[in-house]
Amino acid sequence: MVFLLWFAISGDKKVNWRRAGVWWVFIALTGYGAVDELLQG
């Protein structure tokens, strides 16, 4: 899901893992997935 979001935003650019924004998006999506799983039971 993170990679699909990245390709939707930046197209053919390579992911720069040293940028903080990339990590914030990754953490936010991981947190969203965890909360979603907990709410589903």
PDB file of N, CA and C in Angstrom:
ATOM      1  N   MET A   1       0.821  -1.191   0.000  1.00  0.00           N
ATOM      2  CA  MET A   1       0.000   0.000   0.000  1.00  0.00           C
ATOM      3  C   MET A   1       0.869   1.259   0.000  1.00  0.00           C
ATOM      4  N   VAL A   2       1.948   1.228   0.752  1.00  0.00           N
ATOM      5  CA  VAL A   2       2.859   2.374   0.785  1.00  0.00           C
ATOM      6  C   VAL A   2       3.427   2.637  -0.601  1.00  0.00           C
ATOM      7  N   PHE A   3       3.805   1.573  -1.301  1.00  0.00           N
ATOM      8  CA  PHE A   3       4.407   1.743  -2.619  1.00  0.00           C
ATOM      9  C   PHE A   3       3.386   2.230  -3.639  1.00  0.00           C
ATOM     10  N   LEU A   4       2.141   1.774  -3.522  1.00  0.00           N
ATOM     11  CA  LEU A   4       1.099   2.278  -4.411  1.00  0.00           C
ATOM     12  C   LEU A   4       0.868   3.764  -4.188  1.00  0.00           C
ATOM     13  N   LEU A   5       0.857   4.175  -2.923  1.00  0.00           N
ATOM     14  CA  LEU A   5       0.706   5.596  -2.609  1.00  0.00           C
ATOM     15  C   LEU A   5       1.883   6.397  -3.151  1.00  0.00           C
ATOM     16  N   TRP A   6       3.093   5.870  -2.986  1.00  0.00           N
ATOM     17  CA  TRP A   6       4.281   6.565  -3.467  1.00  0.00           C
ATOM     18  C   TRP A   6       4.237   6.750  -4.980  1.00  0.00           C
ATOM     19  N   PHE A   7       3.869   5.686  -5.717  1.00  0.00           N
ATOM     20  CA  PHE A   7       3.815   5.789  -7.172  1.00  0.00           C
ATOM     21  C   PHE A   7       2.702   6.726  -7.625  1.00  0.00           C
ATOM     22  N   ALA A   8       1.627   6.806  -6.862  1.00  0.00           N
ATOM     23  CA  ALA A   8       0.551   7.731  -7.206  1.00  0.00           C
ATOM     24  C   ALA A   8       1.002   9.178  -7.039  1.00  0.00           C
ATOM     25  N   ILE A   9       1.865   9.433  -6.047  1.00  0.00           N
ATOM     26  CA  ILE A   9       2.314  10.797  -5.769  1.00  0.00           C
ATOM     27  C   ILE A   9       3.478  11.203  -6.662  1.00  0.00           C
ATOM     28  N   SER A  10       4.503  10.348  -6.742  1.00  0.00           N
ATOM     29  CA  SER A  10       5.741  10.786  -7.385  1.00  0.00           C
ATOM     30  C   SER A  10       6.041  10.112  -8.718  1.00  0.00           C
ATOM     31  N   GLY A  11       5.212   9.207  -9.157  1.00  0.00           N
ATOM     32  CA  GLY A  11       5.424   8.603 -10.462  1.00  0.00           C
ATOM     33  C   GLY A  11       6.631   7.701 -10.522  1.00  0.00           C
ATOM     34  N   ASP A  12       7.591   8.044 -11.380  1.00  0.00           N
ATOM     35  CA  ASP A  12       8.719   7.146 -11.627  1.00  0.00           C
ATOM     36  C   ASP A  12       9.945   7.456 -10.773  1.00  0.00           C
ATOM     37  N   LYS A  13       9.834   8.376  -9.820  1.00  0.00           N
ATOM     38  CA  LYS A  13      10.979   8.686  -8.958  1.00  0.00           C
ATOM     39  C   LYS A  13      11.244   7.544  -7.990  1.00  0.00           C
ATOM     40  N   LYS A  14      12.507   7.329  -7.690  1.00  0.00           N
ATOM     41  CA  LYS A  14      12.886   6.290  -6.741  1.00  0.00           C
ATOM     42  C   LYS A  14      12.657   6.790  -5.310  1.00  0.00           C
ATOM     43  N   VAL A  15      12.263   5.872  -4.435  1.00  0.00           N
ATOM     44  CA  VAL A  15      12.014   6.238  -3.040  1.00  0.00           C
ATOM     45  C   VAL A  15      13.333   6.576  -2.362  1.00  0.00           C
ATOM     46  N   ASN A  16      13.404   7.758  -1.753  1.00  0.00           N
ATOM     47  CA  ASN A  16      14.586   8.166  -1.002  1.00  0.00           C
ATOM     48  C   ASN A  16      14.305   7.920   0.477  1.00  0.00           C
ATOM     49  N   TRP A  17      14.831   6.795   1.004  1.00  0.00           N
ATOM     50  CA  TRP A  17      14.527   6.377   2.370  1.00  0.00           C
ATOM     51  C   TRP A  17      15.181   7.271   3.416  1.00  0.00           C
ATOM     52  N   ARG A  18      16.030   8.202   3.015  1.00  0.00           N
ATOM     53  CA  ARG A  18      16.683   9.103   3.974  1.00  0.00           C
ATOM     54  C   ARG A  18      15.837  10.330   4.279  1.00  0.00           C
ATOM     55  N   ARG A  19      14.762  10.523   3.534  1.00  0.00           N
ATOM     56  CA  ARG A  19      13.882  11.667   3.782  1.00  0.00           C
ATOM     57  C   ARG A  19      12.894  11.330   4.885  1.00  0.00           C
ATOM     58  N   ALA A  20      12.666  12.280   5.780  1.00  0.00           N
ATOM     59  CA  ALA A  20      11.763  12.055   6.913  1.00  0.00           C
ATOM     60  C   ALA A  20      10.318  11.875   6.453  1.00  0.00           C
ATOM     61  N   GLY A  21       9.934  12.560   5.395  1.00  0.00           N
ATOM     62  CA  GLY A  21       8.556  12.462   4.916  1.00  0.00           C
ATOM     63  C   GLY A  21       8.165  11.060   4.507  1.00  0.00           C
ATOM     64  N   VAL A  22       9.095  10.347   3.916  1.00  0.00           N
ATOM     65  CA  VAL A  22       8.831   8.963   3.512  1.00  0.00           C
ATOM     66  C   VAL A  22       8.529   8.112   4.736  1.00  0.00           C
ATOM     67  N   TRP A  23       9.315   8.308   5.787  1.00  0.00           N
ATOM     68  CA  TRP A  23       9.113   7.532   7.016  1.00  0.00           C
ATOM     69  C   TRP A  23       7.809   7.906   7.697  1.00  0.00           C
ATOM     70  N   TRP A  24       7.426   9.175   7.680  1.00  0.00           N
ATOM     71  CA  TRP A  24       6.155   9.580   8.288  1.00  0.00           C
ATOM     72  C   TRP A  24       4.981   8.945   7.562  1.00  0.00           C
ATOM     73  N   VAL A  25       5.038   8.901   6.245  1.00  0.00           N
ATOM     74  CA  VAL A  25       3.971   8.249   5.477  1.00  0.00           C
ATOM     75  C   VAL A  25       3.925   6.765   5.804  1.00  0.00           C
ATOM     76  N   PHE A  26       5.092   6.122   5.869  1.00  0.00           N
ATOM     77  CA  PHE A  26       5.168   4.695   6.182  1.00  0.00           C
ATOM     78  C   PHE A  26       4.607   4.410   7.577  1.00  0.00           C
ATOM     79  N   ILE A  27       4.985   5.226   8.556  1.00  0.00           N
ATOM     80  CA  ILE A  27       4.506   5.041   9.931  1.00  0.00           C
ATOM     81  C   ILE A  27       2.996   5.285  10.012  1.00  0.00           C
ATOM     82  N   ALA A  28       2.516   6.312   9.331  1.00  0.00           N
ATOM     83  CA  ALA A  28       1.083   6.617   9.367  1.00  0.00           C
ATOM     84  C   ALA A  28       0.265   5.487   8.758  1.00  0.00           C
ATOM     85  N   LEU A  29       0.714   4.951   7.632  1.00  0.00           N
ATOM     86  CA  LEU A  29      -0.030   3.867   7.002  1.00  0.00           C
ATOM     87  C   LEU A  29       0.048   2.583   7.812  1.00  0.00           C
ATOM     88  N   THR A  30       1.187   2.323   8.431  1.00  0.00           N
ATOM     89  CA  THR A  30       1.315   1.147   9.293  1.00  0.00           C
ATOM     90  C   THR A  30       0.393   1.276  10.505  1.00  0.00           C
ATOM     91  N   GLY A  31       0.370   2.451  11.103  1.00  0.00           N
ATOM     92  CA  GLY A  31      -0.522   2.693  12.235  1.00  0.00           C
ATOM     93  C   GLY A  31      -1.982   2.567  11.845  1.00  0.00           C
ATOM     94  N   TYR A  32      -2.326   3.089  10.688  1.00  0.00           N
ATOM     95  CA  TYR A  32      -3.699   2.974  10.205  1.00  0.00           C
ATOM     96  C   TYR A  32      -4.080   1.508  10.007  1.00  0.00           C
ATOM     97  N   GLY A  33      -3.183   0.733   9.428  1.00  0.00           N
ATOM     98  CA  GLY A  33      -3.445  -0.692   9.224  1.00  0.00           C
ATOM     99  C   GLY A  33      -3.614  -1.435  10.536  1.00  0.00           C
ATOM    100  N   ALA A  34      -2.792  -1.109  11.530  1.00  0.00           N
ATOM    101  CA  ALA A  34      -2.883  -1.764  12.840  1.00  0.00           C
ATOM    102  C   ALA A  34      -4.202  -1.426  13.530  1.00  0.00           C
ATOM    103  N   VAL A  35      -4.588  -0.160  13.506  1.00  0.00           N
ATOM    104  CA  VAL A  35      -5.851   0.251  14.126  1.00  0.00           C
ATOM    105  C   VAL A  35      -7.029  -0.397  13.403  1.00  0.00           C
ATOM    106  N   ASP A  36      -6.968  -0.458  12.090  1.00  0.00           N
ATOM    107  CA  ASP A  36      -8.029  -1.079  11.310  1.00  0.00           C
ATOM    108  C   ASP A  36      -8.188  -2.554  11.679  1.00  0.00           C
ATOM    109  N   GLU A  37      -7.071  -3.259  11.828  1.00  0.00           N
ATOM    110  CA  GLU A  37      -7.128  -4.675  12.214  1.00  0.00           C
ATOM    111  C   GLU A  37      -7.691  -4.847  13.620  1.00  0.00           C
ATOM    112  N   LEU A  38      -7.310  -3.971  14.542  1.00  0.00           N
ATOM    113  CA  LEU A  38      -7.830  -4.059  15.908  1.00  0.00           C
ATOM    114  C   LEU A  38      -9.338  -3.806  15.954  1.00  0.00           C
ATOM    115  N   LEU A  39      -9.799  -2.854  15.164  1.00  0.00           N
ATOM    116  CA  LEU A  39     -11.224  -2.538  15.160  1.00  0.00           C
ATOM    117  C   LEU A  39     -12.060  -3.635  14.515  1.00  0.00           C
ATOM    118  N   GLN A  40     -11.460  -4.383  13.604  1.00  0.00           N
ATOM    119  CA  GLN A  40     -12.187  -5.474  12.959  1.00  0.00           C
ATOM    120  C   GLN A  40     -12.300  -6.692  13.863  1.00  0.00           C
ATOM    121  N   GLY A  41     -11.503  -6.736  14.900  1.00  0.00           N
ATOM    122  CA  GLY A  41     -11.658  -7.752  15.908  1.00  0.00           C
ATOM    123  C   GLY A  41     -10.789  -8.915  15.816  1.00  0.00           C
TER     124      GLY A  41
END
